[in-house]
Amino acid sequence: MLQQELIELVNRIHQFKAEVQNLEVKSAHIDCPKKLYDTLSSFSNQDGGGILIFGLDEKQNFATVGIYDLQDLQKKVTEQCNQMIPPVRAVFTAVEIDGKMVCSAEIPALDFCERPCYYSGIGRVKGSYIRVGDADQQMTDYEIYSFEAFRQHVHDDERCVERATFDFMDQRKIGRYIERMKEERPGFSKLSDEQTMEMLAISRDQKLTLAAVLNFGLYPQGFFPQLAITAIVVPGYEIGDTVYHSGERFIDNRRIEGTLPEMLTDAMTFCRRNMKKSTIIDPNTAERADRPEYPIEAIREAVLNALIHRDYSHFTEGTPIQIDFFEDRLEIHSPGGLYGRMTIEDLGKSRPDLRNPALAAMSEFLLETENRYSGIPTIRREMAEAGLPEPVFQNRRNEFVVILYNKRNVQIDIKPQKCENGNNLLDFCSIPRSRKEIAEYLGISTVFYVMRNYIQPLLSSGELLMTIPEKPKSRNQKYISRKAI
């Protein structure tokens, strides 16, 4: 970092008076902070790393207080960096501001295969941290496992299901699948039945795999009750909203079970049944046509991706896929975040690492998928062709969410909202603001109305950003104008 860049960064901190995802402020005007390992770990474990700023005091409204001794501070910070595994290599920059010395320590991101970075003094389990908004939180066992599984090429869809035997399987489906594979790939004809099932990941060491149980089992949920889909229709905009007269929480509520192909079919039936339809008249032919609330193919790709690419480890086998219909949107929740090095920005643009290669291969034949990484582009294209807003993809902590907004969202004016006093809402959000603060500024008593008609449209257009994007519904969530970043 250049000195001028550090000066500009400090000025922005003075303006916003807040820490963010990749920025942590420490006073250090008396001595070096004693425990930096949580922030060193969390910055190292996130894409893009982070920056520690020494010489500003959060308790004094982020005022510049300076540092006690530049050389000693760098020495002690480096000592703490060397206690991390792998060691952290901080890059220091110092500059004088208002007659006081301020120092930054840039913490580079570790390569995904080297994560998690943790404090050696307390070990991998307790010493690994992740950044959530402006806070450092201890990693869960699942988050640590995710790094280990990627590094060691562990694929949970190929793990053996000890209780499963061929008596619990639809052996005719297995036979048809093997025959079809032999037709498509003649090399399989040279193998014995046992070898063929090993090569197709149906069995491992003569024990059935999870992929086989999910695709060919007579009742897979007998072994894994929560490897299913829960589908609901909410009479409002958030879970908890109820029907005005009866107080019902759900208009429709379904638990979907069976094999992966059966769950896909039943999920699509549920979605078709609960989607609103509009009638379109062709101006040239005067023919009527029904248009669904959301494009069917976009929903199918989202559900299909959840079934094939969700996390199937021991840590998430108790969590079902969720399909949630709201008044303004449809959400598909898939247990487990994005796999490996994949980021939201990479979706549909680069070839991903496969979390479940056996399921992906089986899906080409059983679910008639392309397995050519076209799912995300298809969702985007279908939404655009239907004249709907861009789909939203969120990599939340321990889950991946696809959000499809319906046409009502398009009708909302997403231009910068003006207030009665003529001020611009985006200008008001030049520093992070809470929902309540925005509602008070607009002079509107209902926070929900402000979320739906002001905040959400600006989030959808990208003009407003969340300070804690991983936890959209956090009580500490604030919103800041993109142009202020």
Protein backbone atom coordinates (compact mmCIF):
# COMPACT_ATOMS: atom_id res chain seq x y z
CA MET A 1 0.00 0.00 0.00
CA LEU A 2 1.30 3.45 -0.90
CA GLN A 3 1.35 6.14 1.79
CA GLN A 4 -1.22 8.21 -0.12
CA GLU A 5 -3.52 5.18 -0.27
CA LEU A 6 -3.23 4.77 3.49
CA ILE A 7 -4.10 8.46 4.00
CA GLU A 8 -7.20 8.06 1.80
CA LEU A 9 -8.21 4.91 3.67
CA VAL A 10 -7.93 6.66 7.04
CA ASN A 11 -10.03 9.55 5.70
CA ARG A 12 -12.74 7.10 4.63
CA ILE A 13 -12.70 5.49 8.08
CA HIS A 14 -13.12 8.93 9.66
CA GLN A 15 -16.06 9.56 7.34
CA PHE A 16 -17.84 6.20 7.69
CA LYS A 17 -16.89 5.58 11.33
CA ALA A 18 -17.18 1.84 10.84
CA GLU A 19 -15.18 -1.32 10.29
CA VAL A 20 -16.07 -3.57 7.39
CA GLN A 21 -15.45 -7.07 6.04
CA ASN A 22 -11.79 -6.51 5.18
CA LEU A 23 -10.84 -3.77 7.64
CA GLU A 24 -10.05 -3.83 11.38
CA VAL A 25 -9.03 -0.81 13.49
CA LYS A 26 -6.75 -1.02 16.57
CA SER A 27 -5.66 1.88 18.78
CA ALA A 28 -2.06 0.84 19.72
CA HIS A 29 -1.21 4.25 21.20
CA ILE A 30 -0.04 2.64 24.45
CA ASP A 31 1.21 -0.79 23.35
CA CYS A 32 0.73 -3.44 20.67
CA PRO A 33 -2.61 -5.28 21.00
CA LYS A 34 -1.92 -8.60 22.70
CA LYS A 35 -4.33 -10.88 20.82
CA LEU A 36 -4.47 -10.34 17.08
CA TYR A 37 -4.69 -14.02 16.14
CA ASP A 38 -8.47 -14.01 15.58
CA THR A 39 -8.21 -11.21 13.00
CA LEU A 40 -5.00 -12.60 11.46
CA SER A 41 -6.80 -15.92 11.03
CA SER A 42 -10.06 -14.52 9.64
CA PHE A 43 -8.34 -12.21 7.13
CA SER A 44 -6.07 -15.02 5.94
CA ASN A 45 -9.06 -17.33 5.49
CA GLN A 46 -11.11 -14.99 3.30
CA ASP A 47 -10.64 -14.14 -0.36
CA GLY A 48 -8.90 -10.79 -0.67
CA GLY A 49 -7.34 -10.87 2.80
CA GLY A 50 -7.71 -7.74 4.95
CA ILE A 51 -6.06 -4.69 6.46
CA LEU A 52 -5.28 -3.90 10.09
CA ILE A 53 -5.04 -0.16 10.86
CA PHE A 54 -3.10 0.81 13.99
CA GLY A 55 -3.42 4.32 15.41
CA LEU A 56 -7.19 4.89 15.30
CA ASP A 57 -9.42 4.39 18.33
CA GLU A 58 -12.90 2.97 17.75
CA LYS A 59 -13.94 3.94 21.28
CA GLN A 60 -13.15 7.58 20.47
CA ASN A 61 -15.28 7.60 17.32
CA PHE A 62 -12.32 6.38 15.23
CA ALA A 63 -10.20 9.42 16.11
CA THR A 64 -6.50 9.39 15.18
CA VAL A 65 -4.57 8.63 18.39
CA GLY A 66 -1.27 7.48 16.84
CA ILE A 67 0.93 4.52 17.73
CA TYR A 68 3.37 4.26 20.62
CA ASP A 69 6.46 3.12 18.63
CA LEU A 70 6.51 2.16 14.95
CA GLN A 71 9.49 -0.17 15.05
CA ASP A 72 8.37 -2.04 18.18
CA LEU A 73 4.79 -2.32 16.88
CA GLN A 74 5.93 -3.93 13.62
CA LYS A 75 8.20 -6.30 15.55
CA LYS A 76 5.44 -7.46 17.93
CA VAL A 77 2.84 -7.81 15.16
CA THR A 78 5.32 -9.90 13.17
CA GLU A 79 5.91 -12.10 16.22
CA GLN A 80 2.18 -12.79 16.43
CA CYS A 81 2.05 -13.45 12.68
CA ASN A 82 4.77 -16.09 13.10
CA GLN A 83 2.64 -17.90 15.68
CA MET A 84 0.02 -18.61 13.03
CA ILE A 85 -0.05 -21.83 10.98
CA PRO A 86 0.83 -21.25 8.20
CA PRO A 87 2.79 -18.13 9.24
CA VAL A 88 1.24 -14.84 8.11
CA ARG A 89 3.43 -12.44 6.12
CA ALA A 90 2.10 -8.94 6.84
CA VAL A 91 3.07 -5.97 4.67
CA PHE A 92 3.47 -2.74 6.65
CA THR A 93 2.94 0.87 5.61
CA ALA A 94 3.29 3.91 7.89
CA VAL A 95 2.35 7.56 7.44
CA GLU A 96 2.03 10.66 9.60
CA ILE A 97 -1.47 12.11 9.86
CA ASP A 98 -2.21 15.25 11.92
CA GLY A 99 1.19 14.92 13.58
CA LYS A 100 0.54 11.32 14.66
CA MET A 101 1.88 8.09 13.16
CA VAL A 102 -0.58 5.58 11.69
CA CYS A 103 0.47 2.12 10.51
CA SER A 104 -1.30 -0.45 8.34
CA ALA A 105 -0.62 -4.18 8.14
CA GLU A 106 -1.95 -5.84 4.99
CA ILE A 107 -2.80 -9.50 5.59
CA PRO A 108 -2.76 -11.52 2.35
CA ALA A 109 -5.31 -14.25 1.67
CA LEU A 110 -4.04 -17.80 1.87
CA ASP A 111 -4.48 -20.07 -1.11
CA PHE A 112 -7.62 -22.16 -0.59
CA CYS A 113 -5.58 -25.37 -0.29
CA GLU A 114 -3.63 -23.93 2.67
CA ARG A 115 -6.65 -22.87 4.72
CA PRO A 116 -7.60 -22.69 7.47
CA CYS A 117 -4.96 -20.43 8.98
CA TYR A 118 -5.07 -20.78 12.76
CA TYR A 119 -3.27 -19.78 15.96
CA SER A 120 -0.80 -22.48 16.95
CA GLY A 121 -1.25 -21.72 20.67
CA ILE A 122 -4.76 -23.21 20.82
CA GLY A 123 -4.85 -25.46 17.75
CA ARG A 124 -6.83 -25.81 14.54
CA VAL A 125 -10.28 -26.35 16.07
CA LYS A 126 -10.33 -23.39 18.47
CA GLY A 127 -7.82 -21.18 16.68
CA SER A 128 -9.46 -20.93 13.24
CA TYR A 129 -11.60 -17.86 12.56
CA ILE A 130 -13.75 -16.47 9.78
CA ARG A 131 -14.77 -12.87 9.10
CA VAL A 132 -18.49 -12.09 9.31
CA GLY A 133 -19.17 -8.42 8.66
CA ASP A 134 -16.90 -6.51 11.03
CA ALA A 135 -16.52 -9.39 13.50
CA ASP A 136 -14.16 -12.37 13.78
CA GLN A 137 -16.06 -15.56 14.58
CA GLN A 138 -14.68 -18.96 15.44
CA MET A 139 -15.02 -21.43 12.58
CA THR A 140 -17.47 -24.25 12.98
CA ASP A 141 -16.35 -27.87 12.70
CA TYR A 142 -18.08 -27.98 9.33
CA GLU A 143 -16.20 -24.96 7.97
CA ILE A 144 -12.88 -26.49 9.00
CA TYR A 145 -13.91 -29.80 7.47
CA SER A 146 -14.80 -28.08 4.18
CA PHE A 147 -11.20 -26.92 3.74
CA GLU A 148 -9.84 -30.33 4.70
CA ALA A 149 -12.21 -32.16 2.34
CA PHE A 150 -11.24 -29.96 -0.59
CA ARG A 151 -7.53 -30.33 0.09
CA GLN A 152 -7.72 -34.11 0.45
CA HIS A 153 -10.20 -34.59 -2.43
CA VAL A 154 -12.84 -36.13 -0.15
CA HIS A 155 -16.14 -36.57 -1.99
CA ASP A 156 -18.99 -37.30 0.39
CA ASP A 157 -21.30 -38.54 -2.34
CA GLU A 158 -18.99 -41.56 -2.65
CA ARG A 159 -18.93 -42.43 1.04
CA CYS A 160 -20.27 -45.86 1.99
CA VAL A 161 -23.67 -46.24 3.63
CA GLU A 162 -23.05 -49.02 6.11
CA ARG A 163 -26.68 -50.06 6.66
CA ALA A 164 -27.65 -50.10 2.99
CA THR A 165 -27.82 -53.43 1.15
CA PHE A 166 -29.10 -54.36 -2.30
CA ASP A 167 -32.40 -55.42 -0.71
CA PHE A 168 -33.10 -51.71 -0.15
CA MET A 169 -32.31 -50.81 -3.77
CA ASP A 170 -34.32 -50.78 -6.99
CA GLN A 171 -32.12 -53.31 -8.75
CA ARG A 172 -33.94 -52.90 -12.07
CA LYS A 173 -32.97 -49.22 -12.13
CA ILE A 174 -29.36 -50.14 -11.38
CA GLY A 175 -29.42 -52.72 -14.15
CA ARG A 176 -30.88 -50.26 -16.68
CA TYR A 177 -28.30 -47.63 -15.70
CA ILE A 178 -25.40 -50.07 -16.13
CA GLU A 179 -26.73 -51.26 -19.51
CA ARG A 180 -27.10 -47.70 -20.70
CA MET A 181 -23.58 -46.88 -19.58
CA LYS A 182 -22.26 -49.91 -21.45
CA GLU A 183 -24.02 -48.70 -24.60
CA GLU A 184 -22.60 -45.19 -24.23
CA ARG A 185 -19.15 -46.34 -23.12
CA PRO A 186 -18.20 -49.70 -24.66
CA GLY A 187 -15.19 -50.05 -22.37
CA PHE A 188 -17.51 -50.95 -19.50
CA SER A 189 -18.51 -54.15 -21.34
CA LYS A 190 -15.04 -55.56 -20.65
CA LEU A 191 -15.52 -55.28 -16.88
CA SER A 192 -17.25 -57.62 -14.46
CA ASP A 193 -20.43 -56.47 -12.74
CA GLU A 194 -18.52 -55.81 -9.53
CA GLN A 195 -15.87 -53.79 -11.35
CA THR A 196 -18.52 -51.86 -13.25
CA MET A 197 -20.30 -50.82 -10.06
CA GLU A 198 -16.98 -49.72 -8.56
CA MET A 199 -16.15 -47.65 -11.63
CA LEU A 200 -19.61 -46.07 -11.67
CA ALA A 201 -19.38 -45.22 -7.94
CA ILE A 202 -22.41 -47.38 -7.17
CA SER A 203 -20.32 -49.29 -4.66
CA ARG A 204 -17.01 -48.97 -2.83
CA ASP A 205 -15.41 -52.14 -1.50
CA GLN A 206 -18.73 -53.94 -2.16
CA LYS A 207 -20.65 -51.41 -0.03
CA LEU A 208 -23.24 -49.12 -1.54
CA THR A 209 -22.38 -45.42 -1.85
CA LEU A 210 -24.49 -42.45 -0.85
CA ALA A 211 -24.85 -41.53 -4.54
CA ALA A 212 -26.32 -44.98 -5.25
CA VAL A 213 -28.75 -44.78 -2.32
CA LEU A 214 -29.94 -41.32 -3.39
CA ASN A 215 -30.51 -42.36 -6.99
CA PHE A 216 -31.55 -46.02 -6.76
CA GLY A 217 -32.81 -46.50 -3.21
CA LEU A 218 -36.37 -47.67 -2.63
CA TYR A 219 -36.67 -45.08 0.14
CA PRO A 220 -33.45 -43.05 0.66
CA GLN A 221 -34.94 -41.07 3.56
CA GLY A 222 -35.08 -44.28 5.58
CA PHE A 223 -31.32 -43.91 5.92
CA PHE A 224 -31.12 -40.10 5.76
CA PRO A 225 -34.42 -38.55 6.89
CA GLN A 226 -33.38 -34.95 6.20
CA LEU A 227 -31.86 -35.44 2.76
CA ALA A 228 -35.15 -34.20 1.36
CA ILE A 229 -36.77 -30.92 0.28
CA THR A 230 -39.05 -28.74 2.38
CA ALA A 231 -41.25 -26.46 0.28
CA ILE A 232 -43.46 -23.68 1.62
CA VAL A 233 -45.56 -20.78 0.39
CA VAL A 234 -45.54 -17.79 2.77
CA PRO A 235 -48.46 -15.31 2.71
CA GLY A 236 -46.14 -12.31 2.88
CA TYR A 237 -42.57 -11.19 2.49
CA GLU A 238 -40.84 -12.93 5.40
CA ILE A 239 -41.25 -16.23 7.24
CA GLY A 240 -43.59 -15.52 10.12
CA ASP A 241 -46.07 -13.45 8.12
CA THR A 242 -49.56 -14.91 8.41
CA VAL A 243 -52.86 -14.92 6.51
CA TYR A 244 -54.85 -11.91 7.77
CA HIS A 245 -58.11 -13.66 8.67
CA SER A 246 -57.08 -17.20 9.63
CA GLY A 247 -53.58 -16.63 11.00
CA GLU A 248 -52.12 -19.43 8.87
CA ARG A 249 -48.35 -19.24 8.47
CA PHE A 250 -48.19 -21.19 5.20
CA ILE A 251 -50.52 -21.25 2.21
CA ASP A 252 -48.89 -24.52 1.14
CA ASN A 253 -46.41 -26.68 3.00
CA ARG A 254 -44.90 -29.86 1.58
CA ARG A 255 -42.11 -32.26 2.48
CA ILE A 256 -40.69 -33.83 -0.68
CA GLU A 257 -38.96 -37.21 -0.45
CA GLY A 258 -37.73 -40.01 -2.71
CA THR A 259 -34.77 -40.43 -5.02
CA LEU A 260 -33.15 -37.40 -6.62
CA PRO A 261 -35.15 -37.79 -9.86
CA GLU A 262 -38.39 -38.22 -7.88
CA MET A 263 -37.66 -35.17 -5.71
CA LEU A 264 -36.90 -33.05 -8.78
CA THR A 265 -40.21 -34.06 -10.38
CA ASP A 266 -42.24 -33.44 -7.21
CA ALA A 267 -40.47 -30.12 -6.53
CA MET A 268 -41.34 -28.86 -10.00
CA THR A 269 -44.95 -29.98 -9.51
CA PHE A 270 -45.08 -28.00 -6.25
CA CYS A 271 -43.62 -24.91 -7.93
CA ARG A 272 -46.00 -25.07 -10.88
CA ARG A 273 -48.97 -25.45 -8.53
CA ASN A 274 -48.03 -22.41 -6.46
CA MET A 275 -46.89 -20.00 -9.14
CA LYS A 276 -49.25 -17.25 -10.18
CA LYS A 277 -49.97 -17.02 -13.89
CA SER A 278 -50.74 -14.04 -16.09
CA THR A 279 -52.56 -14.16 -19.40
CA ILE A 280 -50.80 -12.55 -22.36
CA ILE A 281 -52.62 -11.64 -25.58
CA ASP A 282 -50.50 -11.77 -28.74
CA PRO A 283 -51.14 -8.42 -30.52
CA ASN A 284 -50.66 -10.03 -33.93
CA THR A 285 -52.66 -13.25 -33.59
CA ALA A 286 -54.90 -12.35 -30.64
CA GLU A 287 -54.05 -15.75 -29.16
CA ARG A 288 -54.04 -16.12 -25.38
CA ALA A 289 -51.06 -17.59 -23.56
CA ASP A 290 -50.41 -18.17 -19.86
CA ARG A 291 -47.11 -16.89 -18.55
CA PRO A 292 -45.85 -18.33 -15.22
CA GLU A 293 -44.64 -16.05 -12.45
CA TYR A 294 -41.11 -17.42 -12.83
CA PRO A 295 -39.53 -19.24 -15.82
CA ILE A 296 -39.90 -22.99 -15.29
CA GLU A 297 -36.45 -23.77 -16.69
CA ALA A 298 -34.78 -21.30 -14.29
CA ILE A 299 -36.45 -22.98 -11.30
CA ARG A 300 -35.54 -26.44 -12.57
CA GLU A 301 -31.87 -25.48 -12.91
CA ALA A 302 -31.81 -23.96 -9.42
CA VAL A 303 -33.42 -27.03 -7.80
CA LEU A 304 -31.23 -29.36 -9.86
CA ASN A 305 -28.09 -27.54 -8.76
CA ALA A 306 -29.20 -27.82 -5.15
CA LEU A 307 -29.82 -31.58 -5.44
CA ILE A 308 -26.53 -32.34 -7.18
CA HIS A 309 -24.14 -29.80 -5.70
CA ARG A 310 -25.34 -29.41 -2.09
CA ASP A 311 -23.05 -30.57 0.69
CA TYR A 312 -23.70 -34.22 1.62
CA SER A 313 -21.22 -34.50 4.50
CA HIS A 314 -22.08 -35.77 7.99
CA PHE A 315 -22.25 -32.13 9.11
CA THR A 316 -25.15 -31.20 6.82
CA GLU A 317 -27.04 -34.47 6.36
CA GLY A 318 -29.58 -33.21 8.92
CA THR A 319 -30.42 -30.15 6.81
CA PRO A 320 -32.90 -30.37 3.91
CA ILE A 321 -32.99 -28.23 0.78
CA GLN A 322 -35.54 -25.41 1.12
CA ILE A 323 -37.88 -23.95 -1.49
CA ASP A 324 -39.56 -20.81 -0.15
CA PHE A 325 -42.22 -18.84 -2.05
CA PHE A 326 -42.78 -15.26 -0.90
CA GLU A 327 -45.00 -12.52 -2.33
CA ASP A 328 -42.11 -10.91 -4.21
CA ARG A 329 -39.56 -13.71 -4.64
CA LEU A 330 -38.69 -17.39 -4.71
CA GLU A 331 -35.72 -18.66 -2.68
CA ILE A 332 -33.91 -22.00 -3.08
CA HIS A 333 -31.60 -22.78 -0.16
CA SER A 334 -28.86 -25.39 -0.62
CA PRO A 335 -26.94 -26.66 2.44
CA GLY A 336 -23.22 -25.88 2.23
CA GLY A 337 -21.60 -22.81 0.71
CA LEU A 338 -19.84 -22.64 -2.64
CA TYR A 339 -17.26 -25.38 -3.00
CA GLY A 340 -13.53 -24.87 -3.26
CA ARG A 341 -12.17 -21.73 -4.90
CA MET A 342 -15.48 -20.77 -6.52
CA THR A 343 -16.81 -17.29 -5.68
CA ILE A 344 -20.07 -15.53 -6.52
CA GLU A 345 -18.23 -13.51 -9.18
CA ASP A 346 -17.00 -16.73 -10.85
CA LEU A 347 -20.46 -18.30 -11.17
CA GLY A 348 -21.22 -19.17 -14.77
CA LYS A 349 -17.87 -17.81 -15.95
CA SER A 350 -15.29 -20.38 -14.88
CA ARG A 351 -15.26 -24.14 -14.49
CA PRO A 352 -15.98 -25.07 -10.87
CA ASP A 353 -14.45 -27.80 -8.75
CA LEU A 354 -16.99 -30.60 -8.32
CA ARG A 355 -18.10 -31.35 -4.78
CA ASN A 356 -20.06 -34.46 -5.84
CA PRO A 357 -18.51 -35.92 -9.02
CA ALA A 358 -20.39 -39.25 -8.77
CA LEU A 359 -23.77 -37.52 -8.52
CA ALA A 360 -22.82 -35.16 -11.34
CA ALA A 361 -21.93 -38.10 -13.61
CA MET A 362 -25.10 -40.02 -12.72
CA SER A 363 -27.25 -36.95 -13.30
CA GLU A 364 -26.26 -36.83 -16.97
CA PHE A 365 -28.23 -40.05 -17.50
CA LEU A 366 -30.78 -40.11 -14.69
CA LEU A 367 -31.77 -36.42 -14.67
CA GLU A 368 -30.87 -35.62 -18.27
CA THR A 369 -28.50 -32.84 -17.29
CA GLU A 370 -25.73 -31.48 -19.45
CA ASN A 371 -23.15 -31.36 -16.63
CA ARG A 372 -21.43 -28.65 -18.65
CA TYR A 373 -21.65 -25.88 -16.05
CA SER A 374 -24.54 -24.22 -17.90
CA GLY A 375 -26.98 -24.05 -14.97
CA ILE A 376 -26.18 -20.52 -13.76
CA PRO A 377 -26.07 -19.01 -17.30
CA THR A 378 -29.40 -20.71 -18.02
CA ILE A 379 -31.00 -19.17 -14.91
CA ARG A 380 -29.71 -15.73 -15.89
CA ARG A 381 -30.84 -16.07 -19.50
CA GLU A 382 -34.32 -17.36 -18.62
CA MET A 383 -34.92 -14.53 -16.14
CA ALA A 384 -33.76 -11.94 -18.68
CA GLU A 385 -35.95 -13.36 -21.45
CA ALA A 386 -38.93 -13.27 -19.08
CA GLY A 387 -38.29 -9.60 -18.37
CA LEU A 388 -37.55 -10.28 -14.70
CA PRO A 389 -34.79 -8.87 -12.47
CA GLU A 390 -31.35 -10.45 -12.44
CA PRO A 391 -31.25 -13.55 -10.22
CA VAL A 392 -29.44 -13.03 -6.93
CA PHE A 393 -26.87 -15.56 -5.74
CA GLN A 394 -25.77 -15.43 -2.10
CA ASN A 395 -22.99 -17.48 -0.55
CA ARG A 396 -24.11 -17.27 3.05
CA ARG A 397 -22.39 -18.95 5.95
CA ASN A 398 -22.98 -22.70 5.45
CA GLU A 399 -25.58 -22.33 2.69
CA PHE A 400 -25.93 -21.16 -0.91
CA VAL A 401 -29.10 -19.31 -1.87
CA VAL A 402 -30.66 -18.54 -5.26
CA ILE A 403 -33.25 -15.73 -5.20
CA LEU A 404 -35.62 -15.11 -8.11
CA TYR A 405 -37.71 -11.94 -7.97
CA ASN A 406 -41.09 -11.75 -9.68
CA LYS A 407 -42.55 -8.97 -11.84
CA ARG A 408 -43.84 -6.95 -8.91
CA ASN A 409 -40.24 -6.13 -8.11
CA VAL A 410 -39.78 -4.64 -11.58
CA GLN A 411 -42.64 -2.21 -11.01
CA ILE A 412 -40.86 -0.63 -8.05
CA ASP A 413 -38.89 2.46 -9.00
CA ILE A 414 -35.26 1.61 -8.34
CA LYS A 415 -33.98 5.12 -9.00
CA PRO A 416 -32.42 6.87 -5.99
CA GLN A 417 -35.33 7.53 -3.67
CA LYS A 418 -36.07 11.13 -2.71
CA CYS A 419 -37.29 12.11 0.72
CA GLU A 420 -39.84 14.75 1.58
CA ASN A 421 -37.08 17.20 2.46
CA GLY A 422 -35.57 16.73 -1.01
CA ASN A 423 -32.53 14.86 0.19
CA ASN A 424 -31.34 11.72 -1.59
CA LEU A 425 -31.51 8.41 0.27
CA LEU A 426 -28.22 7.27 -1.28
CA ASP A 427 -26.55 10.42 0.02
CA PHE A 428 -27.97 9.70 3.46
CA CYS A 429 -26.40 6.23 3.22
CA SER A 430 -22.93 7.60 2.48
CA ILE A 431 -22.17 6.14 5.91
CA PRO A 432 -23.63 2.80 7.08
CA ARG A 433 -27.27 3.12 8.19
CA SER A 434 -29.60 0.63 9.87
CA ARG A 435 -33.15 -0.15 8.72
CA LYS A 436 -34.53 1.86 11.62
CA GLU A 437 -32.35 4.86 10.82
CA ILE A 438 -33.47 4.82 7.18
CA ALA A 439 -37.14 4.51 8.20
CA GLU A 440 -36.81 7.45 10.59
CA TYR A 441 -35.06 9.50 7.93
CA LEU A 442 -37.85 8.80 5.44
CA GLY A 443 -40.48 9.59 8.04
CA ILE A 444 -42.09 6.13 7.64
CA SER A 445 -43.08 4.17 10.74
CA THR A 446 -43.19 0.69 9.13
CA VAL A 447 -39.70 -0.76 8.70
CA PHE A 448 -41.03 -3.61 6.57
CA TYR A 449 -42.53 -1.12 4.08
CA VAL A 450 -39.18 0.68 3.89
CA MET A 451 -37.36 -2.61 3.26
CA ARG A 452 -39.71 -3.61 0.43
CA ASN A 453 -40.15 -0.26 -1.31
CA TYR A 454 -36.86 1.54 -0.69
CA ILE A 455 -33.98 -0.65 0.51
CA GLN A 456 -34.62 -3.84 -1.48
CA PRO A 457 -34.96 -2.09 -4.88
CA LEU A 458 -31.68 -0.26 -4.31
CA LEU A 459 -30.00 -3.51 -3.27
CA SER A 460 -31.30 -5.18 -6.42
CA SER A 461 -29.95 -2.38 -8.60
CA GLY A 462 -26.57 -2.54 -6.86
CA GLU A 463 -26.72 1.10 -5.73
CA LEU A 464 -26.95 0.09 -2.08
CA LEU A 465 -24.74 -2.52 -0.38
CA MET A 466 -25.02 -4.53 2.84
CA THR A 467 -22.24 -4.24 5.43
CA ILE A 468 -22.81 -7.90 6.38
CA PRO A 469 -23.68 -9.58 3.06
CA GLU A 470 -23.20 -13.10 4.48
CA LYS A 471 -26.07 -12.52 6.96
CA PRO A 472 -28.73 -10.46 5.18
CA LYS A 473 -31.18 -10.65 8.10
CA SER A 474 -28.66 -9.86 10.85
CA ARG A 475 -29.88 -7.48 13.52
CA ASN A 476 -26.59 -5.62 13.03
CA GLN A 477 -27.11 -5.24 9.28
CA LYS A 478 -26.49 -1.77 7.86
CA TYR A 479 -26.61 -0.36 4.35
CA ILE A 480 -24.16 1.90 2.54
CA SER A 481 -24.23 3.57 -0.84
CA ARG A 482 -21.96 1.94 -3.44
CA LYS A 483 -20.64 5.32 -4.55
CA ALA A 484 -19.39 5.95 -0.99
CA ILE A 485 -17.11 2.91 -1.02
